[in-house]
Amino acid sequence: MNDAEPLLRLRGIGKSFGPVHALTDIDLDIPAGQVTALVGDNGAGKSTLIKTVAGIWEPSHGEIIWQGRPVHFRSPKDATAAGIATVYQDLALADNLDIVQNMMLGHELLKTGLLDEITMEKRAKQTLADLRVTTVRNIRQPVGSLSGGQRQAIAVAKAVMLEAKLVIMDEPTAALGVSQTALVLETIEQLASRGIAVLVISHNLTDVFRVADRVAVLYLGRMVSSGPVANYDTNSTVHWMTTGTAPNSQTAAPLSTEG
């Protein structure tokens, strides 16, 4: 994969459930080391698209190109093995386990047949330090005792430990307060700074414009606009989201995956 090749390319992706076309001819490029915000109104197809990329559903047609090669993800395990991690709104964390146990869950390290607690602690601590997650006081505290923002950070750190190249985040700041939102957005920026691609699904355009390098707008299952964030402002993005058409202004972005 050369520098100009996006990490992930979607070409002509469609997904149908019986007679219902949830996605139609989706083209999208996701570059490494950048944050791409996927926005759209309710029912636009955002969840369907990320579940297709994450291997939960196979596309009805079209092609997923990962690191320059066509791939077929038949399960979430396939996508995870390739380096795609998805952090859903429920986070899939075990509240009764501590931070280290959650981060290593399913990938525990053994030493002479026993859990290698010391090495696992070191790895968890180092990953959190690399992501500059400094609000966690004790990595042995139960995840159930953490704030919403801290929980998001732990879920992201787990993806980093599994050497994800693309982290998909579904509404990561939903229902969070100001300081917790700031923590999550900083974590997203840290991911991108490490060369990891981030695809963020969000209704919060303030958050989008704070962290996104690129914007992609879905409308009724179609990708109506995508491009560098500089091509958009809040008004033009809302117009794309609610009408599926270009606003009559200089800030409107053409339907393009270039830039």
Protein backbone atom coordinates (compact mmCIF):
# COMPACT_ATOMS: atom_id res chain seq x y z
CA MET A 1 0.00 0.00 0.00
CA ASN A 2 1.57 3.29 -1.03
CA ASP A 3 1.13 6.58 0.79
CA ALA A 4 -1.61 7.74 -1.58
CA GLU A 5 -3.66 4.56 -1.15
CA PRO A 6 -6.41 4.91 1.48
CA LEU A 7 -6.38 2.32 4.24
CA LEU A 8 -9.99 1.40 3.45
CA ARG A 9 -11.88 1.97 0.23
CA LEU A 10 -15.55 1.22 -0.28
CA ARG A 11 -16.67 0.97 -3.88
CA GLY A 12 -20.30 0.59 -4.91
CA ILE A 13 -21.32 -0.92 -1.56
CA GLY A 14 -24.98 -1.83 -1.37
CA LYS A 15 -26.94 -3.62 1.33
CA SER A 16 -30.48 -4.85 1.00
CA PHE A 17 -32.77 -6.53 3.51
CA GLY A 18 -35.36 -8.18 1.30
CA PRO A 19 -37.00 -5.38 -0.72
CA VAL A 20 -35.49 -2.65 1.46
CA HIS A 21 -32.33 -1.00 0.12
CA ALA A 22 -30.51 0.20 3.24
CA LEU A 23 -27.37 1.25 1.33
CA THR A 24 -26.99 2.09 -2.35
CA ASP A 25 -23.71 2.46 -4.28
CA ILE A 26 -21.60 3.74 -1.38
CA ASP A 27 -18.12 5.02 -2.30
CA LEU A 28 -15.87 6.14 0.55
CA ASP A 29 -12.14 6.40 1.24
CA ILE A 30 -10.78 6.18 4.79
CA PRO A 31 -7.14 7.36 5.01
CA ALA A 32 -4.76 6.22 7.74
CA GLY A 33 -3.92 8.74 10.43
CA GLN A 34 -7.05 10.81 9.85
CA VAL A 35 -10.44 11.17 11.51
CA THR A 36 -13.38 10.70 9.15
CA ALA A 37 -16.77 11.76 10.52
CA LEU A 38 -19.77 9.87 9.18
CA VAL A 39 -22.89 11.98 9.61
CA GLY A 40 -26.51 11.66 8.61
CA ASP A 41 -30.01 11.90 9.97
CA ASN A 42 -31.74 8.99 11.70
CA GLY A 43 -32.33 6.22 9.18
CA ALA A 44 -29.62 7.48 6.82
CA GLY A 45 -27.78 4.13 6.96
CA LYS A 46 -24.88 4.93 9.29
CA SER A 47 -25.30 1.84 11.47
CA THR A 48 -25.78 -0.41 8.46
CA LEU A 49 -22.60 0.93 6.88
CA ILE A 50 -20.40 0.44 9.93
CA LYS A 51 -21.81 -3.04 10.55
CA THR A 52 -20.97 -3.94 6.96
CA VAL A 53 -17.40 -2.70 7.37
CA ALA A 54 -17.15 -4.47 10.75
CA GLY A 55 -18.11 -7.85 9.27
CA ILE A 56 -21.51 -8.18 10.96
CA TRP A 57 -23.26 -8.07 7.59
CA GLU A 58 -21.83 -8.92 4.20
CA PRO A 59 -22.59 -6.32 1.51
CA SER A 60 -25.19 -7.31 -1.07
CA HIS A 61 -22.90 -5.91 -3.74
CA GLY A 62 -19.82 -3.74 -4.13
CA GLU A 63 -16.26 -4.12 -2.96
CA ILE A 64 -14.36 -3.52 0.28
CA ILE A 65 -10.68 -2.80 -0.41
CA TRP A 66 -8.46 -3.03 2.66
CA GLN A 67 -4.82 -1.94 2.44
CA GLY A 68 -5.03 -2.07 -1.35
CA ARG A 69 -6.59 -5.54 -1.60
CA PRO A 70 -10.21 -6.67 -1.97
CA VAL A 71 -11.44 -8.45 1.15
CA HIS A 72 -14.52 -10.40 2.20
CA PHE A 73 -15.35 -10.15 5.88
CA ARG A 74 -17.72 -13.00 6.71
CA SER A 75 -17.76 -12.28 10.43
CA PRO A 76 -16.67 -9.63 12.93
CA LYS A 77 -13.73 -11.92 13.73
CA ASP A 78 -12.48 -11.53 10.14
CA ALA A 79 -12.62 -7.74 10.40
CA THR A 80 -10.92 -7.72 13.81
CA ALA A 81 -8.16 -10.02 12.55
CA ALA A 82 -7.55 -7.64 9.64
CA GLY A 83 -7.16 -4.71 12.05
CA ILE A 84 -10.64 -3.15 12.21
CA ALA A 85 -11.99 -2.50 15.72
CA THR A 86 -15.50 -1.22 16.36
CA VAL A 87 -16.42 0.53 19.60
CA TYR A 88 -20.22 0.46 19.83
CA GLN A 89 -22.33 2.63 22.10
CA ASP A 90 -22.70 -0.17 24.66
CA LEU A 91 -18.86 -0.47 24.68
CA ALA A 92 -19.02 -4.24 25.41
CA LEU A 93 -17.12 -3.79 28.67
CA ALA A 94 -17.58 -6.04 31.71
CA ASP A 95 -18.48 -3.76 34.64
CA ASN A 96 -17.48 -6.31 37.28
CA LEU A 97 -13.93 -6.71 35.89
CA ASP A 98 -11.14 -4.22 36.43
CA ILE A 99 -9.48 -2.13 33.71
CA VAL A 100 -6.61 -4.56 33.04
CA GLN A 101 -8.98 -7.54 32.89
CA ASN A 102 -11.21 -5.69 30.40
CA MET A 103 -8.34 -4.57 28.19
CA MET A 104 -6.88 -8.10 28.05
CA LEU A 105 -10.19 -9.98 27.92
CA GLY A 106 -9.91 -12.86 25.47
CA HIS A 107 -6.21 -12.13 24.96
CA GLU A 108 -4.83 -12.90 28.40
CA LEU A 109 -1.11 -13.58 28.76
CA LEU A 110 0.09 -16.72 30.50
CA LYS A 111 3.34 -17.52 32.28
CA THR A 112 4.00 -21.09 33.43
CA GLY A 113 0.31 -21.83 33.03
CA LEU A 114 -0.85 -18.92 35.18
CA LEU A 115 -2.06 -15.44 34.26
CA ASP A 116 0.92 -13.11 33.80
CA GLU A 117 -0.62 -10.26 35.77
CA ILE A 118 2.54 -8.13 35.90
CA THR A 119 3.09 -8.08 32.12
CA MET A 120 -0.62 -7.47 31.47
CA GLU A 121 -0.62 -4.55 33.90
CA LYS A 122 2.46 -3.07 32.25
CA ARG A 123 0.91 -3.33 28.78
CA ALA A 124 -2.37 -1.80 29.92
CA LYS A 125 -0.56 1.06 31.70
CA GLN A 126 1.68 1.75 28.70
CA THR A 127 -1.25 1.79 26.26
CA LEU A 128 -3.19 4.24 28.42
CA ALA A 129 -0.07 6.40 28.77
CA ASP A 130 0.48 6.35 25.00
CA LEU A 131 -3.09 7.56 24.51
CA ARG A 132 -2.56 10.17 27.25
CA VAL A 133 -5.44 8.82 29.29
CA THR A 134 -4.41 10.39 32.58
CA THR A 135 -7.72 10.56 34.46
CA VAL A 136 -7.67 6.88 35.46
CA ARG A 137 -6.14 6.68 38.93
CA ASN A 138 -5.96 2.91 39.41
CA ILE A 139 -5.96 0.39 36.58
CA ARG A 140 -7.23 -2.24 38.99
CA GLN A 141 -10.50 -0.41 39.68
CA PRO A 142 -13.70 -1.99 38.33
CA VAL A 143 -14.79 -0.58 34.98
CA GLY A 144 -18.26 -0.13 36.47
CA SER A 145 -16.85 2.63 38.69
CA LEU A 146 -15.58 4.72 35.76
CA SER A 147 -17.19 7.76 34.14
CA GLY A 148 -18.62 7.57 30.63
CA GLY A 149 -15.61 9.26 29.09
CA GLN A 150 -13.18 6.98 30.92
CA ARG A 151 -15.13 3.92 29.76
CA GLN A 152 -14.86 5.11 26.14
CA ALA A 153 -11.12 5.60 26.62
CA ILE A 154 -10.74 2.05 27.99
CA ALA A 155 -12.69 0.60 25.05
CA VAL A 156 -10.45 2.50 22.62
CA ALA A 157 -7.30 1.44 24.47
CA LYS A 158 -8.40 -2.19 24.16
CA ALA A 159 -8.65 -1.73 20.38
CA VAL A 160 -5.15 -0.22 20.31
CA MET A 161 -3.76 -3.17 22.27
CA LEU A 162 -5.18 -5.46 19.58
CA GLU A 163 -3.17 -3.41 17.05
CA ALA A 164 -6.19 -2.01 15.25
CA LYS A 165 -5.39 0.02 12.13
CA LEU A 166 -8.94 1.40 11.91
CA VAL A 167 -11.08 2.22 14.94
CA ILE A 168 -14.80 2.79 14.28
CA MET A 169 -16.61 4.70 17.04
CA ASP A 170 -20.41 4.80 17.19
CA GLU A 171 -21.68 8.01 18.84
CA PRO A 172 -18.76 8.10 21.30
CA THR A 173 -19.83 11.34 23.01
CA ALA A 174 -23.56 10.63 23.27
CA ALA A 175 -24.90 11.44 26.75
CA LEU A 176 -21.51 12.64 28.03
CA GLY A 177 -20.88 15.90 29.87
CA VAL A 178 -18.44 18.58 28.74
CA SER A 179 -15.30 17.27 30.48
CA GLN A 180 -16.02 13.65 29.55
CA THR A 181 -16.60 14.64 25.93
CA ALA A 182 -13.27 16.47 25.92
CA LEU A 183 -11.54 13.30 27.17
CA VAL A 184 -13.05 11.21 24.37
CA LEU A 185 -12.19 13.77 21.67
CA GLU A 186 -8.60 13.95 22.94
CA THR A 187 -8.41 10.14 22.77
CA ILE A 188 -9.63 10.25 19.16
CA GLU A 189 -6.95 12.83 18.30
CA GLN A 190 -4.30 10.64 19.92
CA LEU A 191 -5.38 7.67 17.79
CA ALA A 192 -4.99 9.70 14.59
CA SER A 193 -1.62 11.05 15.72
CA ARG A 194 -0.41 7.45 16.01
CA GLY A 195 -1.30 6.80 12.36
CA ILE A 196 -4.52 4.96 13.14
CA ALA A 197 -7.57 5.71 10.99
CA VAL A 198 -10.70 6.70 12.92
CA LEU A 199 -14.26 6.58 11.60
CA VAL A 200 -16.57 8.46 13.97
CA ILE A 201 -20.34 8.32 13.73
CA SER A 202 -21.81 11.36 15.45
CA HIS A 203 -24.89 13.54 15.62
CA ASN A 204 -22.91 16.24 17.40
CA LEU A 205 -21.54 18.57 14.73
CA THR A 206 -19.59 20.59 17.31
CA ASP A 207 -17.61 17.44 18.11
CA VAL A 208 -17.30 16.60 14.41
CA PHE A 209 -15.73 19.94 13.54
CA ARG A 210 -13.38 19.75 16.48
CA VAL A 211 -11.73 16.43 15.55
CA ALA A 212 -12.58 15.51 11.96
CA ASP A 213 -10.18 15.75 9.03
CA ARG A 214 -12.84 14.54 6.61
CA VAL A 215 -16.64 14.50 6.50
CA ALA A 216 -18.90 11.96 4.80
CA VAL A 217 -22.66 12.56 4.63
CA LEU A 218 -25.22 9.79 4.22
CA TYR A 219 -28.76 10.54 3.14
CA LEU A 220 -31.37 7.78 2.77
CA GLY A 221 -28.70 5.13 2.22
CA ARG A 222 -26.65 7.10 -0.29
CA MET A 223 -23.34 8.91 0.13
CA VAL A 224 -24.31 12.39 -1.01
CA SER A 225 -21.11 14.24 -0.10
CA SER A 226 -17.63 13.56 1.21
CA GLY A 227 -14.37 15.44 1.36
CA PRO A 228 -11.98 17.43 3.55
CA VAL A 229 -13.57 19.11 6.57
CA ALA A 230 -12.50 22.52 5.20
CA ASN A 231 -15.19 22.10 2.52
CA TYR A 232 -17.93 22.13 5.16
CA ASP A 233 -19.43 24.25 7.90
CA THR A 234 -22.31 23.48 10.23
CA ASN A 235 -24.99 25.00 7.98
CA SER A 236 -23.85 23.24 4.82
CA THR A 237 -23.51 19.91 6.65
CA VAL A 238 -27.02 20.17 8.10
CA HIS A 239 -28.33 20.99 4.62
CA TRP A 240 -26.65 17.89 3.15
CA MET A 241 -27.96 15.75 6.03
CA THR A 242 -31.56 16.92 5.80
CA THR A 243 -32.04 17.31 2.05
CA GLY A 244 -29.33 15.21 0.40
CA THR A 245 -28.56 18.13 -1.91
CA ALA A 246 -25.86 20.79 -2.12
CA PRO A 247 -26.51 24.08 -0.33
CA ASN A 248 -26.42 27.21 -2.45
CA SER A 249 -23.30 28.61 -0.84
CA GLN A 250 -19.56 28.80 -1.37
CA THR A 251 -18.99 26.35 1.49
CA ALA A 252 -20.85 23.51 -0.21
CA ALA A 253 -18.77 20.46 -0.88
CA PRO A 254 -19.23 18.57 -4.13
CA LEU A 255 -19.91 14.85 -4.07
CA SER A 256 -16.33 13.72 -3.99
CA THR A 257 -13.98 11.38 -2.18
CA GLU A 258 -10.98 13.37 -3.36
CA GLY A 259 -8.74 15.58 -1.27
